[in-house]
Amino acid sequence: MKEYTKQTIEFYNEYFKKYIKKGGAIVLKNKINIFIKLLPGHKILDVGCGPGHDTDYLTKKGSDCLGIDLSEKMINYAKENYKGKFKIMDFFDLKFKENTFDGIWCSSALTHVDKRDLAQLLKNLFVILKRGGVLGIIVPKAQKRSKNKKDTRIFSMFHKYEIEGYLIKNGFKIIKSEIFSSLKEKWIFLISKK
C-alpha cells in the first residue's frame, strides 16, 4: 500500500461519520443512469465505494455490483446500511482476472491518487474491464480549495483535457465528458470505453 493511501484511509476511518453527514453519500443518479445505459452487461466494480451508496444504487438498478474500498469503517458501514457486495481491497492491487467487468464506476476515488500513479491505476482498470466495457469516472475539476490541517488525504484535481489525456494514453476511448457542480464544487464526469 502506498504511504499516501495509508494517510487517506486513516482519515476516512477517523472521520467517516462526518464525511457521510457532510454529503459524502450523495448518489448522483443522473450520472450513474447515463453510465448504466452504456453498459454491455451487468457485472460492475465500484472502485473506492466509500460508504456504499453508489454500489447500493447500482445493485437496486439490477447490476451485479461489487464495491471495494480500503477503509474498514466505510466497508462495515456499507454492509450494515446498503444492498450490494462489499470488500476491502486496494485499487492498486486488484484481485480479479482479465476481462472480468462490464463496467467500472469510479466516483471521487481518483481524487486520492497521486497523478504520478494514475497511469498505472488506469492500466489496472483497463485489464479487468471486458472489451467494450465502460469506465465511469467523477473527479474534481481544478479549482481553489481550502485545506484543513487535520485532512491528511492526498487531493488531486484535474483539468478536463488532463484527465481525458490520461484515459486516452491508457487505451480508453472517451464517450462523454462534461463539467458539473455539486456540493459547491466543480466536478468532471467522464465515460470512456475499452
Protein backbone atom coordinates (compact mmCIF):
# COMPACT_ATOMS: atom_id res chain seq x y z
CA MET A 1 0.00 0.00 0.00
CA LYS A 2 1.26 3.47 -0.86
CA GLU A 3 2.12 5.77 2.06
CA TYR A 4 -0.28 8.50 0.93
CA THR A 5 -3.02 5.84 0.64
CA LYS A 6 -2.44 4.88 4.29
CA GLN A 7 -2.92 8.51 5.33
CA THR A 8 -6.12 8.75 3.28
CA ILE A 9 -7.53 5.57 4.82
CA GLU A 10 -6.63 6.76 8.33
CA PHE A 11 -8.54 9.98 7.62
CA TYR A 12 -11.66 8.15 6.43
CA ASN A 13 -11.55 5.64 9.28
CA GLU A 14 -11.44 8.52 11.75
CA TYR A 15 -13.86 10.96 10.11
CA PHE A 16 -16.20 8.71 8.12
CA LYS A 17 -19.31 9.78 10.09
CA LYS A 18 -18.58 13.48 9.46
CA TYR A 19 -17.86 12.69 5.79
CA ILE A 20 -21.24 10.97 5.37
CA LYS A 21 -23.10 13.69 7.29
CA LYS A 22 -21.46 16.44 5.19
CA GLY A 23 -22.78 14.97 1.94
CA GLY A 24 -20.22 12.28 1.12
CA ALA A 25 -23.01 9.79 0.45
CA ILE A 26 -24.92 11.72 -2.20
CA VAL A 27 -25.92 9.48 -5.11
CA LEU A 28 -25.54 11.26 -8.44
CA LYS A 29 -28.37 9.25 -10.00
CA ASN A 30 -28.42 11.17 -13.28
CA LYS A 31 -24.71 10.43 -13.87
CA ILE A 32 -25.00 6.77 -12.84
CA ASN A 33 -28.05 6.32 -15.10
CA ILE A 34 -26.05 7.54 -18.11
CA PHE A 35 -23.30 5.05 -17.18
CA ILE A 36 -25.81 2.17 -16.81
CA LYS A 37 -27.36 2.79 -20.24
CA LEU A 38 -23.96 2.33 -21.92
CA LEU A 39 -23.03 -0.93 -20.18
CA PRO A 40 -22.71 -4.10 -22.31
CA GLY A 41 -23.68 -6.27 -19.30
CA HIS A 42 -24.46 -6.15 -15.57
CA LYS A 43 -21.21 -7.00 -13.78
CA ILE A 44 -19.83 -3.80 -12.21
CA LEU A 45 -16.94 -2.87 -9.93
CA ASP A 46 -17.43 0.27 -7.80
CA VAL A 47 -13.86 1.42 -7.11
CA GLY A 48 -13.38 3.40 -3.90
CA CYS A 49 -17.02 2.82 -2.95
CA GLY A 50 -16.72 4.64 0.38
CA PRO A 51 -19.90 4.20 2.45
CA GLY A 52 -21.54 2.16 -0.33
CA HIS A 53 -24.26 4.50 -1.64
CA ASP A 54 -23.39 4.09 -5.34
CA THR A 55 -22.99 0.31 -5.04
CA ASP A 56 -26.44 0.22 -3.43
CA TYR A 57 -27.99 2.27 -6.24
CA LEU A 58 -26.31 0.16 -8.96
CA THR A 59 -27.46 -3.05 -7.23
CA LYS A 60 -31.06 -1.81 -6.94
CA LYS A 61 -30.94 -0.98 -10.66
CA GLY A 62 -30.29 -4.67 -11.38
CA SER A 63 -26.50 -4.76 -11.58
CA ASP A 64 -24.24 -7.41 -10.07
CA CYS A 65 -22.10 -4.80 -8.30
CA LEU A 66 -19.11 -5.20 -6.00
CA GLY A 67 -17.95 -2.16 -4.04
CA ILE A 68 -14.30 -2.05 -2.96
CA ASP A 69 -12.58 0.34 -0.58
CA LEU A 70 -9.61 0.26 1.80
CA SER A 71 -11.40 1.92 4.72
CA GLU A 72 -12.61 -0.86 7.01
CA LYS A 73 -15.08 1.52 8.69
CA MET A 74 -16.55 2.57 5.34
CA ILE A 75 -16.95 -1.07 4.23
CA ASN A 76 -18.55 -2.02 7.56
CA TYR A 77 -20.94 0.93 7.25
CA ALA A 78 -21.79 -0.12 3.68
CA LYS A 79 -22.51 -3.72 4.71
CA GLU A 80 -24.79 -2.56 7.53
CA ASN A 81 -26.71 0.08 5.57
CA TYR A 82 -26.79 -0.80 1.88
CA LYS A 83 -27.52 -3.54 -0.64
CA GLY A 84 -24.70 -5.00 -2.71
CA LYS A 85 -21.46 -6.82 -2.13
CA PHE A 86 -18.57 -5.06 -0.41
CA LYS A 87 -14.92 -5.96 0.06
CA ILE A 88 -11.79 -4.35 1.48
CA MET A 89 -9.33 -4.07 -1.41
CA ASP A 90 -6.58 -1.75 -2.63
CA PHE A 91 -7.29 -0.48 -6.15
CA PHE A 92 -3.55 -0.64 -6.85
CA ASP A 93 -3.66 -4.38 -6.12
CA LEU A 94 -6.86 -5.64 -7.75
CA LYS A 95 -7.56 -9.35 -7.26
CA PHE A 96 -9.51 -10.00 -10.46
CA LYS A 97 -8.87 -11.87 -13.70
CA GLU A 98 -8.59 -10.07 -17.02
CA ASN A 99 -11.89 -9.13 -18.70
CA THR A 100 -14.00 -9.58 -15.55
CA PHE A 101 -16.25 -6.50 -15.52
CA ASP A 102 -18.75 -4.96 -17.94
CA GLY A 103 -18.38 -1.66 -16.15
CA ILE A 104 -16.21 0.10 -13.60
CA TRP A 105 -17.64 3.03 -11.64
CA CYS A 106 -15.11 5.32 -10.00
CA SER A 107 -16.70 8.33 -8.31
CA SER A 108 -14.26 10.60 -6.44
CA ALA A 109 -11.72 7.80 -5.85
CA LEU A 110 -9.09 9.10 -8.29
CA THR A 111 -9.05 12.26 -6.19
CA HIS A 112 -6.90 10.33 -3.73
CA VAL A 113 -4.30 9.15 -6.26
CA ASP A 114 -1.01 10.91 -6.88
CA LYS A 115 -1.02 11.88 -10.56
CA ARG A 116 2.32 10.09 -10.99
CA ASP A 117 0.50 6.83 -10.15
CA LEU A 118 -2.64 7.44 -12.19
CA ALA A 119 -1.42 5.78 -15.40
CA GLN A 120 -0.68 2.54 -13.52
CA LEU A 121 -4.12 2.55 -11.91
CA LEU A 122 -5.86 3.14 -15.25
CA LYS A 123 -3.86 0.27 -16.79
CA ASN A 124 -5.04 -1.98 -13.94
CA LEU A 125 -8.66 -0.98 -14.58
CA PHE A 126 -8.26 -1.46 -18.35
CA VAL A 127 -7.07 -5.06 -17.85
CA ILE A 128 -10.05 -6.15 -15.72
CA LEU A 129 -12.62 -4.42 -17.95
CA LYS A 130 -14.15 -6.51 -20.73
CA ARG A 131 -13.71 -5.45 -24.34
CA GLY A 132 -16.46 -2.89 -24.99
CA GLY A 133 -16.75 -2.35 -21.23
CA VAL A 134 -17.42 1.10 -19.80
CA LEU A 135 -15.47 3.15 -17.26
CA GLY A 136 -17.37 5.94 -15.48
CA ILE A 137 -15.29 8.50 -13.60
CA ILE A 138 -16.05 11.56 -11.49
CA VAL A 139 -13.09 13.71 -10.41
CA PRO A 140 -12.84 17.23 -9.01
CA LYS A 141 -12.12 19.96 -11.54
CA ALA A 142 -9.02 22.06 -10.81
CA GLN A 143 -10.20 24.88 -8.51
CA LYS A 144 -9.26 26.70 -5.33
CA ARG A 145 -9.75 24.53 -2.26
CA SER A 146 -9.36 25.40 1.43
CA LYS A 147 -7.19 22.89 3.27
CA ASN A 148 -7.91 21.68 6.79
CA LYS A 149 -4.75 20.83 8.79
CA LYS A 150 -6.37 17.61 10.06
CA ASP A 151 -7.03 16.47 6.48
CA THR A 152 -4.18 14.07 5.68
CA ARG A 153 -5.63 12.93 2.35
CA ILE A 154 -3.91 13.49 -0.96
CA PHE A 155 -6.33 15.53 -3.04
CA SER A 156 -5.71 15.61 -6.80
CA MET A 157 -7.79 17.89 -9.01
CA PHE A 158 -7.82 17.90 -12.79
CA HIS A 159 -8.37 20.00 -15.87
CA LYS A 160 -10.81 18.34 -18.28
CA TYR A 161 -8.19 17.94 -21.03
CA GLU A 162 -5.77 16.47 -18.48
CA ILE A 163 -7.96 13.59 -17.26
CA GLU A 164 -9.09 12.93 -20.84
CA GLY A 165 -5.42 12.67 -21.83
CA TYR A 166 -4.70 10.12 -19.10
CA LEU A 167 -7.60 7.97 -20.31
CA ILE A 168 -6.66 8.14 -23.99
CA LYS A 169 -2.97 7.36 -23.29
CA ASN A 170 -4.07 4.25 -21.41
CA GLY A 171 -6.24 2.82 -24.17
CA PHE A 172 -9.68 4.25 -23.39
CA LYS A 173 -11.96 5.96 -25.90
CA ILE A 174 -13.84 8.98 -24.48
CA ILE A 175 -17.62 8.67 -24.94
CA LYS A 176 -18.80 11.56 -22.74
CA SER A 177 -17.05 14.36 -20.90
CA GLU A 178 -18.69 17.23 -19.01
CA ILE A 179 -18.21 19.61 -16.10
CA PHE A 180 -20.96 19.90 -13.47
CA SER A 181 -21.49 21.38 -9.99
CA SER A 182 -22.24 19.52 -6.76
CA LEU A 183 -21.76 20.46 -3.08
CA LYS A 184 -20.50 23.94 -4.12
CA GLU A 185 -17.64 22.44 -6.15
CA LYS A 186 -16.98 21.77 -9.83
CA TRP A 187 -16.55 18.18 -10.99
CA ILE A 188 -15.69 16.39 -14.22
CA PHE A 189 -17.83 13.43 -15.33
CA LEU A 190 -16.32 11.15 -17.95
CA ILE A 191 -17.43 7.94 -19.59
CA SER A 192 -14.92 6.00 -21.63
CA LYS A 193 -14.86 2.63 -23.33
CA LYS A 194 -12.31 -0.17 -23.71
